[in-house]
PDB file of N, CA and C in Angstrom:
ATOM      1  N   MET A   1      78.585  80.121  80.407  1.00  0.00           N
ATOM      2  CA  MET A   1      78.139  80.719  81.650  1.00  0.00           C
ATOM      3  C   MET A   1      79.144  80.469  82.774  1.00  0.00           C
ATOM      4  N   ARG A   2      79.625  79.241  82.892  1.00  0.00           N
ATOM      5  CA  ARG A   2      80.602  78.926  83.938  1.00  0.00           C
ATOM      6  C   ARG A   2      81.901  79.702  83.734  1.00  0.00           C
ATOM      7  N   LEU A   3      82.276  79.858  82.486  1.00  0.00           N
ATOM      8  CA  LEU A   3      83.501  80.584  82.185  1.00  0.00           C
ATOM      9  C   LEU A   3      83.395  82.045  82.644  1.00  0.00           C
ATOM     10  N   LYS A   4      82.235  82.676  82.437  1.00  0.00           N
ATOM     11  CA  LYS A   4      82.037  84.053  82.883  1.00  0.00           C
ATOM     12  C   LYS A   4      82.187  84.166  84.390  1.00  0.00           C
ATOM     13  N   LYS A   5      81.623  83.215  85.133  1.00  0.00           N
ATOM     14  CA  LYS A   5      81.733  83.244  86.590  1.00  0.00           C
ATOM     15  C   LYS A   5      83.185  83.096  87.020  1.00  0.00           C
ATOM     16  N   ARG A   6      83.900  82.195  86.367  1.00  0.00           N
ATOM     17  CA  ARG A   6      85.315  81.999  86.716  1.00  0.00           C
ATOM     18  C   ARG A   6      86.117  83.258  86.425  1.00  0.00           C
ATOM     19  N   LEU A   7      85.884  83.870  85.269  1.00  0.00           N
ATOM     20  CA  LEU A   7      86.603  85.090  84.925  1.00  0.00           C
ATOM     21  C   LEU A   7      86.285  86.214  85.890  1.00  0.00           C
ATOM     22  N   ALA A   8      85.022  86.373  86.237  1.00  0.00           N
ATOM     23  CA  ALA A   8      84.631  87.420  87.184  1.00  0.00           C
ATOM     24  C   ALA A   8      85.270  87.178  88.541  1.00  0.00           C
ATOM     25  N   SER A   9      85.279  85.911  88.970  1.00  0.00           N
ATOM     26  CA  SER A   9      85.896  85.564  90.247  1.00  0.00           C
ATOM     27  C   SER A   9      87.394  85.842  90.209  1.00  0.00           C
ATOM     28  N   GLY A  10      88.047  85.489  89.112  1.00  0.00           N
ATOM     29  CA  GLY A  10      89.478  85.730  88.957  1.00  0.00           C
ATOM     30  C   GLY A  10      89.807  87.210  88.966  1.00  0.00           C
ATOM     31  N   ALA A  11      88.964  88.018  88.313  1.00  0.00           N
ATOM     32  CA  ALA A  11      89.182  89.464  88.292  1.00  0.00           C
ATOM     33  C   ALA A  11      89.043  90.048  89.690  1.00  0.00           C
ATOM     34  N   ALA A  12      88.103  89.550  90.471  1.00  0.00           N
ATOM     35  CA  ALA A  12      87.925  90.031  91.842  1.00  0.00           C
ATOM     36  C   ALA A  12      89.141  89.693  92.694  1.00  0.00           C
ATOM     37  N   ILE A  13      89.674  88.497  92.522  1.00  0.00           N
ATOM     38  CA  ILE A  13      90.867  88.088  93.274  1.00  0.00           C
ATOM     39  C   ILE A  13      92.059  88.947  92.856  1.00  0.00           C
ATOM     40  N   LEU A  14      92.207  89.194  91.559  1.00  0.00           N
ATOM     41  CA  LEU A  14      93.299  90.017  91.062  1.00  0.00           C
ATOM     42  C   LEU A  14      93.202  91.434  91.618  1.00  0.00           C
ATOM     43  N   THR A  15      92.009  92.003  91.645  1.00  0.00           N
ATOM     44  CA  THR A  15      91.810  93.340  92.197  1.00  0.00           C
ATOM     45  C   THR A  15      92.159  93.371  93.676  1.00  0.00           C
ATOM     46  N   LEU A  16      91.727  92.368  94.426  1.00  0.00           N
ATOM     47  CA  LEU A  16      92.015  92.284  95.852  1.00  0.00           C
ATOM     48  C   LEU A  16      93.516  92.174  96.085  1.00  0.00           C
ATOM     49  N   THR A  17      94.178  91.346  95.286  1.00  0.00           N
ATOM     50  CA  THR A  17      95.618  91.176  95.432  1.00  0.00           C
ATOM     51  C   THR A  17      96.353  92.478  95.128  1.00  0.00           C
ATOM     52  N   ALA A  18      95.979  93.157  94.067  1.00  0.00           N
ATOM     53  CA  ALA A  18      96.641  94.420  93.717  1.00  0.00           C
ATOM     54  C   ALA A  18      96.425  95.462  94.806  1.00  0.00           C
ATOM     55  N   THR A  19      95.234  95.550  95.342  1.00  0.00           N
ATOM     56  CA  THR A  19      94.946  96.498  96.409  1.00  0.00           C
ATOM     57  C   THR A  19      95.756  96.165  97.651  1.00  0.00           C
ATOM     58  N   SER A  20      95.857  94.884  97.997  1.00  0.00           N
ATOM     59  CA  SER A  20      96.625  94.468  99.168  1.00  0.00           C
ATOM     60  C   SER A  20      98.083  94.853  99.010  1.00  0.00           C
ATOM     61  N   GLY A  21      98.629  94.713  97.790  1.00  0.00           N
ATOM     62  CA  GLY A  21     100.017  95.078  97.541  1.00  0.00           C
ATOM     63  C   GLY A  21     100.257  96.561  97.747  1.00  0.00           C
ATOM     64  N   ILE A  22      99.309  97.384  97.331  1.00  0.00           N
ATOM     65  CA  ILE A  22      99.435  98.834  97.508  1.00  0.00           C
ATOM     66  C   ILE A  22      99.410  99.189  98.985  1.00  0.00           C
ATOM     67  N   LEU A  23      98.517  98.568  99.742  1.00  0.00           N
ATOM     68  CA  LEU A  23      98.446  98.836 101.171  1.00  0.00           C
ATOM     69  C   LEU A  23      99.710  98.379 101.875  1.00  0.00           C
ATOM     70  N   SER A  24     100.259  97.233 101.472  1.00  0.00           N
ATOM     71  CA  SER A  24     101.483  96.734 102.089  1.00  0.00           C
ATOM     72  C   SER A  24     102.644  97.675 101.821  1.00  0.00           C
ATOM     73  N   ALA A  25     102.743  98.177 100.598  1.00  0.00           N
ATOM     74  CA  ALA A  25     103.830  99.092 100.265  1.00  0.00           C
ATOM     75  C   ALA A  25     103.717 100.375 101.066  1.00  0.00           C
ATOM     76  N   ALA A  26     102.525 100.890 101.250  1.00  0.00           N
ATOM     77  CA  ALA A  26     102.329 102.105 102.033  1.00  0.00           C
ATOM     78  C   ALA A  26     102.686 101.871 103.489  1.00  0.00           C
ATOM     79  N   SER A  27     102.320 100.711 104.028  1.00  0.00           N
ATOM     80  CA  SER A  27     102.637 100.393 105.414  1.00  0.00           C
ATOM     81  C   SER A  27     104.137 100.278 105.615  1.00  0.00           C
ATOM     82  N   ALA A  28     104.828  99.649 104.661  1.00  0.00           N
ATOM     83  CA  ALA A  28     106.271  99.476 104.779  1.00  0.00           C
ATOM     84  C   ALA A  28     106.981 100.823 104.754  1.00  0.00           C
ATOM     85  N   ALA A  29     106.541 101.734 103.902  1.00  0.00           N
ATOM     86  CA  ALA A  29     107.170 103.048 103.818  1.00  0.00           C
ATOM     87  C   ALA A  29     106.958 103.827 105.115  1.00  0.00           C
ATOM     88  N   ALA A  30     105.819 103.670 105.740  1.00  0.00           N
ATOM     89  CA  ALA A  30     105.509 104.385 106.974  1.00  0.00           C
ATOM     90  C   ALA A  30     106.320 103.844 108.149  1.00  0.00           C
ATOM     91  N   ALA A  31     106.880 102.649 108.031  1.00  0.00           N
ATOM     92  CA  ALA A  31     107.577 102.015 109.138  1.00  0.00           C
ATOM     93  C   ALA A  31     109.066 102.359 109.195  1.00  0.00           C
ATOM     94  N   THR A  32     109.543 103.250 108.355  1.00  0.00           N
ATOM     95  CA  THR A  32     110.955 103.625 108.378  1.00  0.00           C
ATOM     96  C   THR A  32     111.281 104.344 109.681  1.00  0.00           C
ATOM     97  N   ALA A  33     112.437 104.038 110.251  1.00  0.00           N
ATOM     98  CA  ALA A  33     112.856 104.677 111.502  1.00  0.00           C
ATOM     99  C   ALA A  33     113.074 106.176 111.277  1.00  0.00           C
ATOM    100  N   PRO A  34     112.897 107.001 112.315  1.00  0.00           N
ATOM    101  CA  PRO A  34     113.092 108.445 112.160  1.00  0.00           C
ATOM    102  C   PRO A  34     114.551 108.790 111.854  1.00  0.00           C
ATOM    103  N   SER A  35     114.773 109.970 111.306  1.00  0.00           N
ATOM    104  CA  SER A  35     116.114 110.377 110.890  1.00  0.00           C
ATOM    105  C   SER A  35     117.072 110.583 112.062  1.00  0.00           C
ATOM    106  N   CYS A  36     116.557 110.667 113.279  1.00  0.00           N
ATOM    107  CA  CYS A  36     117.443 110.826 114.439  1.00  0.00           C
ATOM    108  C   CYS A  36     118.054 109.490 114.882  1.00  0.00           C
ATOM    109  N   VAL A  37     117.750 108.410 114.173  1.00  0.00           N
ATOM    110  CA  VAL A  37     118.381 107.108 114.408  1.00  0.00           C
ATOM    111  C   VAL A  37     119.471 106.954 113.353  1.00  0.00           C
ATOM    112  N   GLY A  38     120.733 106.855 113.800  1.00  0.00           N
ATOM    113  CA  GLY A  38     121.869 106.802 112.886  1.00  0.00           C
ATOM    114  C   GLY A  38     122.320 105.383 112.592  1.00  0.00           C
ATOM    115  N   LEU A  39     122.859 105.176 111.391  1.00  0.00           N
ATOM    116  CA  LEU A  39     123.340 103.864 110.946  1.00  0.00           C
ATOM    117  C   LEU A  39     124.781 103.973 110.478  1.00  0.00           C
ATOM    118  N   SER A  40     125.634 103.035 110.922  1.00  0.00           N
ATOM    119  CA  SER A  40     127.009 102.910 110.440  1.00  0.00           C
ATOM    120  C   SER A  40     127.207 101.486 109.954  1.00  0.00           C
ATOM    121  N   GLN A  41     127.980 101.317 108.866  1.00  0.00           N
ATOM    122  CA  GLN A  41     128.250  99.982 108.333  1.00  0.00           C
ATOM    123  C   GLN A  41     129.725  99.846 107.985  1.00  0.00           C
ATOM    124  N   TRP A  42     130.264  98.635 108.143  1.00  0.00           N
ATOM    125  CA  TRP A  42     131.652  98.364 107.801  1.00  0.00           C
ATOM    126  C   TRP A  42     131.835  96.857 107.639  1.00  0.00           C
ATOM    127  N   GLU A  43     133.000  96.472 107.103  1.00  0.00           N
ATOM    128  CA  GLU A  43     133.358  95.060 106.924  1.00  0.00           C
ATOM    129  C   GLU A  43     134.628  94.756 107.698  1.00  0.00           C
ATOM    130  N   SER A  44     134.753  93.499 108.128  1.00  0.00           N
ATOM    131  CA  SER A  44     136.003  93.073 108.750  1.00  0.00           C
ATOM    132  C   SER A  44     136.985  92.723 107.634  1.00  0.00           C
ATOM    133  N   THR A  45     138.257  92.789 107.922  1.00  0.00           N
ATOM    134  CA  THR A  45     139.267  92.444 106.923  1.00  0.00           C
ATOM    135  C   THR A  45     139.909  91.097 107.225  1.00  0.00           C
ATOM    136  N   GLN A  46     139.552  90.497 108.336  1.00  0.00           N
ATOM    137  CA  GLN A  46     140.103  89.199 108.717  1.00  0.00           C
ATOM    138  C   GLN A  46     139.167  88.084 108.255  1.00  0.00           C
ATOM    139  N   PHE A  47     139.717  86.892 108.104  1.00  0.00           N
ATOM    140  CA  PHE A  47     138.914  85.730 107.729  1.00  0.00           C
ATOM    141  C   PHE A  47     138.238  85.167 108.965  1.00  0.00           C
ATOM    142  N   PRO A  48     136.994  84.803 108.960  1.00  0.00           N
ATOM    143  CA  PRO A  48     136.042  84.966 107.861  1.00  0.00           C
ATOM    144  C   PRO A  48     135.527  86.402 107.803  1.00  0.00           C
ATOM    145  N   VAL A  49     135.363  86.892 106.591  1.00  0.00           N
ATOM    146  CA  VAL A  49     134.889  88.266 106.387  1.00  0.00           C
ATOM    147  C   VAL A  49     133.452  88.382 106.874  1.00  0.00           C
ATOM    148  N   ARG A  50     133.166  89.456 107.620  1.00  0.00           N
ATOM    149  CA  ARG A  50     131.813  89.727 108.114  1.00  0.00           C
ATOM    150  C   ARG A  50     131.426  91.160 107.781  1.00  0.00           C
ATOM    151  N   SER A  51     130.138  91.370 107.564  1.00  0.00           N
ATOM    152  CA  SER A  51     129.577  92.707 107.374  1.00  0.00           C
ATOM    153  C   SER A  51     128.926  93.129 108.685  1.00  0.00           C
ATOM    154  N   TYR A  52     129.225  94.329 109.136  1.00  0.00           N
ATOM    155  CA  TYR A  52     128.715  94.836 110.408  1.00  0.00           C
ATOM    156  C   TYR A  52     127.834  96.058 110.193  1.00  0.00           C
ATOM    157  N   ALA A  53     126.887  96.240 111.087  1.00  0.00           N
ATOM    158  CA  ALA A  53     126.049  97.443 111.094  1.00  0.00           C
ATOM    159  C   ALA A  53     125.770  97.807 112.540  1.00  0.00           C
ATOM    160  N   SER A  54     125.813  99.100 112.805  1.00  0.00           N
ATOM    161  CA  SER A  54     125.522  99.615 114.134  1.00  0.00           C
ATOM    162  C   SER A  54     124.484 100.716 113.989  1.00  0.00           C
ATOM    163  N   VAL A  55     123.485 100.686 114.845  1.00  0.00           N
ATOM    164  CA  VAL A  55     122.451 101.705 114.831  1.00  0.00           C
ATOM    165  C   VAL A  55     122.460 102.394 116.195  1.00  0.00           C
ATOM    166  N   GLN A  56     122.374 103.738 116.197  1.00  0.00           N
ATOM    167  CA  GLN A  56     122.405 104.499 117.444  1.00  0.00           C
ATOM    168  C   GLN A  56     121.224 105.455 117.485  1.00  0.00           C
ATOM    169  N   ASN A  57     120.648 105.585 118.671  1.00  0.00           N
ATOM    170  CA  ASN A  57     119.502 106.456 118.878  1.00  0.00           C
ATOM    171  C   ASN A  57     119.972 107.841 119.320  1.00  0.00           C
ATOM    172  N   PHE A  58     119.827 108.834 118.439  1.00  0.00           N
ATOM    173  CA  PHE A  58     120.140 110.230 118.753  1.00  0.00           C
ATOM    174  C   PHE A  58     118.867 111.010 119.079  1.00  0.00           C
ATOM    175  N   CYS A  59     117.732 110.323 119.170  1.00  0.00           N
ATOM    176  CA  CYS A  59     116.443 110.965 119.453  1.00  0.00           C
ATOM    177  C   CYS A  59     116.332 111.309 120.936  1.00  0.00           C
ATOM    178  N   SER A  60     115.377 112.154 121.274  1.00  0.00           N
ATOM    179  CA  SER A  60     115.178 112.539 122.674  1.00  0.00           C
ATOM    180  C   SER A  60     114.436 111.465 123.464  1.00  0.00           C
ATOM    181  N   GLY A  61     113.747 110.556 122.791  1.00  0.00           N
ATOM    182  CA  GLY A  61     113.021 109.461 123.452  1.00  0.00           C
ATOM    183  C   GLY A  61     113.480 108.110 122.934  1.00  0.00           C
ATOM    184  N   GLY A  62     113.060 107.047 123.593  1.00  0.00           N
ATOM    185  CA  GLY A  62     113.417 105.697 123.181  1.00  0.00           C
ATOM    186  C   GLY A  62     112.764 105.316 121.864  1.00  0.00           C
ATOM    187  N   LYS A  63     113.425 104.434 121.108  1.00  0.00           N
ATOM    188  CA  LYS A  63     112.924 103.961 119.814  1.00  0.00           C
ATOM    189  C   LYS A  63     113.104 102.454 119.710  1.00  0.00           C
ATOM    190  N   ARG A  64     112.139 101.807 119.033  1.00  0.00           N
ATOM    191  CA  ARG A  64     112.245 100.383 118.712  1.00  0.00           C
ATOM    192  C   ARG A  64     112.577 100.280 117.235  1.00  0.00           C
ATOM    193  N   VAL A  65     113.692  99.617 116.916  1.00  0.00           N
ATOM    194  CA  VAL A  65     114.142  99.520 115.526  1.00  0.00           C
ATOM    195  C   VAL A  65     114.597  98.105 115.199  1.00  0.00           C
ATOM    196  N   ARG A  66     114.601  97.798 113.904  1.00  0.00           N
ATOM    197  CA  ARG A  66     115.177  96.546 113.412  1.00  0.00           C
ATOM    198  C   ARG A  66     115.912  96.823 112.128  1.00  0.00           C
ATOM    199  N   LEU A  67     116.979  96.079 111.888  1.00  0.00           N
ATOM    200  CA  LEU A  67     117.806  96.255 110.703  1.00  0.00           C
ATOM    201  C   LEU A  67     117.311  95.318 109.607  1.00  0.00           C
ATOM    202  N   ILE A  68     117.103  95.868 108.410  1.00  0.00           N
ATOM    203  CA  ILE A  68     116.676  95.094 107.256  1.00  0.00           C
ATOM    204  C   ILE A  68     117.902  94.882 106.380  1.00  0.00           C
ATOM    205  N   TRP A  69     118.345  93.639 106.273  1.00  0.00           N
ATOM    206  CA  TRP A  69     119.562  93.286 105.558  1.00  0.00           C
ATOM    207  C   TRP A  69     119.246  92.842 104.135  1.00  0.00           C
ATOM    208  N   ALA A  70     120.048  93.309 103.178  1.00  0.00           N
ATOM    209  CA  ALA A  70     120.002  92.795 101.809  1.00  0.00           C
ATOM    210  C   ALA A  70     120.939  91.595 101.764  1.00  0.00           C
ATOM    211  N   TRP A  71     120.511  90.540 101.132  1.00  0.00           N
ATOM    212  CA  TRP A  71     121.289  89.315 100.950  1.00  0.00           C
ATOM    213  C   TRP A  71     121.512  88.530 102.243  1.00  0.00           C
ATOM    214  N   ALA A  72     120.678  88.788 103.262  1.00  0.00           N
ATOM    215  CA  ALA A  72     120.783  88.045 104.527  1.00  0.00           C
ATOM    216  C   ALA A  72     119.472  88.209 105.297  1.00  0.00           C
ATOM    217  N   GLY A  73     119.330  87.443 106.347  1.00  0.00           N
ATOM    218  CA  GLY A  73     118.132  87.522 107.175  1.00  0.00           C
ATOM    219  C   GLY A  73     118.060  88.837 107.945  1.00  0.00           C
ATOM    220  N   ASP A  74     116.860  89.349 108.105  1.00  0.00           N
ATOM    221  CA  ASP A  74     116.661  90.606 108.826  1.00  0.00           C
ATOM    222  C   ASP A  74     116.866  90.426 110.323  1.00  0.00           C
ATOM    223  N   GLY A  75     117.199  91.519 110.997  1.00  0.00           N
ATOM    224  CA  GLY A  75     117.419  91.497 112.429  1.00  0.00           C
ATOM    225  C   GLY A  75     116.111  91.542 113.207  1.00  0.00           C
ATOM    226  N   GLU A  76     116.220  91.305 114.494  1.00  0.00           N
ATOM    227  CA  GLU A  76     115.059  91.357 115.387  1.00  0.00           C
ATOM    228  C   GLU A  76     114.843  92.782 115.869  1.00  0.00           C
ATOM    229  N   CYS A  77     113.680  93.030 116.426  1.00  0.00           N
ATOM    230  CA  CYS A  77     113.328  94.341 116.952  1.00  0.00           C
ATOM    231  C   CYS A  77     114.064  94.572 118.283  1.00  0.00           C
ATOM    232  N   HIS A  78     114.677  95.757 118.424  1.00  0.00           N
ATOM    233  CA  HIS A  78     115.396  96.111 119.650  1.00  0.00           C
ATOM    234  C   HIS A  78     114.978  97.495 120.123  1.00  0.00           C
ATOM    235  N   TYR A  79     114.864  97.649 121.429  1.00  0.00           N
ATOM    236  CA  TYR A  79     114.563  98.957 122.014  1.00  0.00           C
ATOM    237  C   TYR A  79     115.874  99.658 122.311  1.00  0.00           C
ATOM    238  N   LEU A  80     115.982 100.911 121.863  1.00  0.00           N
ATOM    239  CA  LEU A  80     117.163 101.729 122.133  1.00  0.00           C
ATOM    240  C   LEU A  80     116.745 102.963 122.914  1.00  0.00           C
ATOM    241  N   SER A  81     117.266 103.106 124.115  1.00  0.00           N
ATOM    242  CA  SER A  81     117.008 104.323 124.884  1.00  0.00           C
ATOM    243  C   SER A  81     117.850 105.446 124.273  1.00  0.00           C
ATOM    244  N   PRO A  82     117.571 106.702 124.596  1.00  0.00           N
ATOM    245  CA  PRO A  82     118.338 107.809 124.015  1.00  0.00           C
ATOM    246  C   PRO A  82     119.843 107.634 124.244  1.00  0.00           C
ATOM    247  N   GLY A  83     120.621 107.756 123.178  1.00  0.00           N
ATOM    248  CA  GLY A  83     122.073 107.612 123.253  1.00  0.00           C
ATOM    249  C   GLY A  83     122.575 106.182 123.129  1.00  0.00           C
ATOM    250  N   ALA A  84     121.699 105.197 123.237  1.00  0.00           N
ATOM    251  CA  ALA A  84     122.116 103.791 123.175  1.00  0.00           C
ATOM    252  C   ALA A  84     122.366 103.364 121.732  1.00  0.00           C
ATOM    253  N   TYR A  85     123.163 102.299 121.561  1.00  0.00           N
ATOM    254  CA  TYR A  85     123.411 101.745 120.237  1.00  0.00           C
ATOM    255  C   TYR A  85     123.318 100.228 120.292  1.00  0.00           C
ATOM    256  N   TYR A  86     123.219  99.634 119.107  1.00  0.00           N
ATOM    257  CA  TYR A  86     123.128  98.184 118.963  1.00  0.00           C
ATOM    258  C   TYR A  86     123.897  97.791 117.707  1.00  0.00           C
ATOM    259  N   LYS A  87     124.601  96.648 117.754  1.00  0.00           N
ATOM    260  CA  LYS A  87     125.415  96.199 116.625  1.00  0.00           C
ATOM    261  C   LYS A  87     125.006  94.789 116.210  1.00  0.00           C
ATOM    262  N   GLU A  88     124.968  94.551 114.894  1.00  0.00           N
ATOM    263  CA  GLU A  88     124.703  93.227 114.323  1.00  0.00           C
ATOM    264  C   GLU A  88     125.740  92.950 113.246  1.00  0.00           C
ATOM    265  N   SER A  89     125.899  91.659 112.902  1.00  0.00           N
ATOM    266  CA  SER A  89     126.792  91.302 111.803  1.00  0.00           C
ATOM    267  C   SER A  89     126.222  90.104 111.035  1.00  0.00           C
ATOM    268  N   ARG A  90     126.685  89.972 109.795  1.00  0.00           N
ATOM    269  CA  ARG A  90     126.328  88.850 108.934  1.00  0.00           C
ATOM    270  C   ARG A  90     127.596  88.373 108.254  1.00  0.00           C
ATOM    271  N   LEU A  91     127.652  87.096 107.942  1.00  0.00           N
ATOM    272  CA  LEU A  91     128.823  86.491 107.306  1.00  0.00           C
ATOM    273  C   LEU A  91     128.919  86.913 105.845  1.00  0.00           C
ATOM    274  N   GLY A  92     130.116  87.321 105.404  1.00  0.00           N
ATOM    275  CA  GLY A  92     130.367  87.658 104.004  1.00  0.00           C
ATOM    276  C   GLY A  92     130.396  89.146 103.723  1.00  0.00           C
ATOM    277  N   ARG A  93     130.775  89.484 102.472  1.00  0.00           N
ATOM    278  CA  ARG A  93     130.846  90.883 102.036  1.00  0.00           C
ATOM    279  C   ARG A  93     129.529  91.380 101.453  1.00  0.00           C
ATOM    280  N   ALA A  94     128.735  90.483 100.922  1.00  0.00           N
ATOM    281  CA  ALA A  94     127.515  90.891 100.211  1.00  0.00           C
ATOM    282  C   ALA A  94     126.456  91.523 101.116  1.00  0.00           C
ATOM    283  N   PRO A  95     126.220  91.016 102.324  1.00  0.00           N
ATOM    284  CA  PRO A  95     125.130  91.608 103.121  1.00  0.00           C
ATOM    285  C   PRO A  95     125.399  93.062 103.497  1.00  0.00           C
ATOM    286  N   TYR A  96     124.350  93.857 103.457  1.00  0.00           N
ATOM    287  CA  TYR A  96     124.416  95.227 103.940  1.00  0.00           C
ATOM    288  C   TYR A  96     123.022  95.619 104.405  1.00  0.00           C
ATOM    289  N   VAL A  97     122.924  96.600 105.282  1.00  0.00           N
ATOM    290  CA  VAL A  97     121.632  97.056 105.777  1.00  0.00           C
ATOM    291  C   VAL A  97     121.057  98.012 104.751  1.00  0.00           C
ATOM    292  N   SER A  98     119.895  97.654 104.230  1.00  0.00           N
ATOM    293  CA  SER A  98     119.252  98.490 103.234  1.00  0.00           C
ATOM    294  C   SER A  98     118.261  99.466 103.863  1.00  0.00           C
ATOM    295  N   GLU A  99     117.850  99.174 105.101  1.00  0.00           N
ATOM    296  CA  GLU A  99     116.857 100.032 105.756  1.00  0.00           C
ATOM    297  C   GLU A  99     116.860  99.787 107.267  1.00  0.00           C
ATOM    298  N   VAL A 100     116.594 100.840 108.005  1.00  0.00           N
ATOM    299  CA  VAL A 100     116.339 100.737 109.454  1.00  0.00           C
ATOM    300  C   VAL A 100     114.865 101.025 109.636  1.00  0.00           C
ATOM    301  N   ARG A 101     114.139 100.075 110.172  1.00  0.00           N
ATOM    302  CA  ARG A 101     112.686 100.212 110.322  1.00  0.00           C
ATOM    303  C   ARG A 101     112.297 100.360 111.776  1.00  0.00           C
ATOM    304  N   ALA A 102     111.261 101.123 111.997  1.00  0.00           N
ATOM    305  CA  ALA A 102     110.633 101.199 113.315  1.00  0.00           C
ATOM    306  C   ALA A 102     109.811  99.916 113.502  1.00  0.00           C
ATOM    307  N   CYS A 103     109.730  99.433 114.713  1.00  0.00           N
ATOM    308  CA  CYS A 103     108.951  98.214 114.958  1.00  0.00           C
ATOM    309  C   CYS A 103     108.200  98.308 116.276  1.00  0.00           C
TER     310      CYS A 103
END
């Protein structure tokens, strides 16, 4: 009897966890910055090597964006008025911006 209760409880937790993961994935996809926000990336050739990314707002209104870096910590949320840009960098060749998110 106790085993049945534990299994039922475990199944409920597993269902809740799976549902939460689906909702999180949907929320993350919805948070992508609009296509009128442009991204440029490059590396320095001098020591120490750094990876750079610049994001520019080509939209008609202001946007809040943050850079999501692969192999490094993500950037903070920044407000960009129309035409404005923002630049970030990370140490090394491996980091690159995998996504620009609205925030």
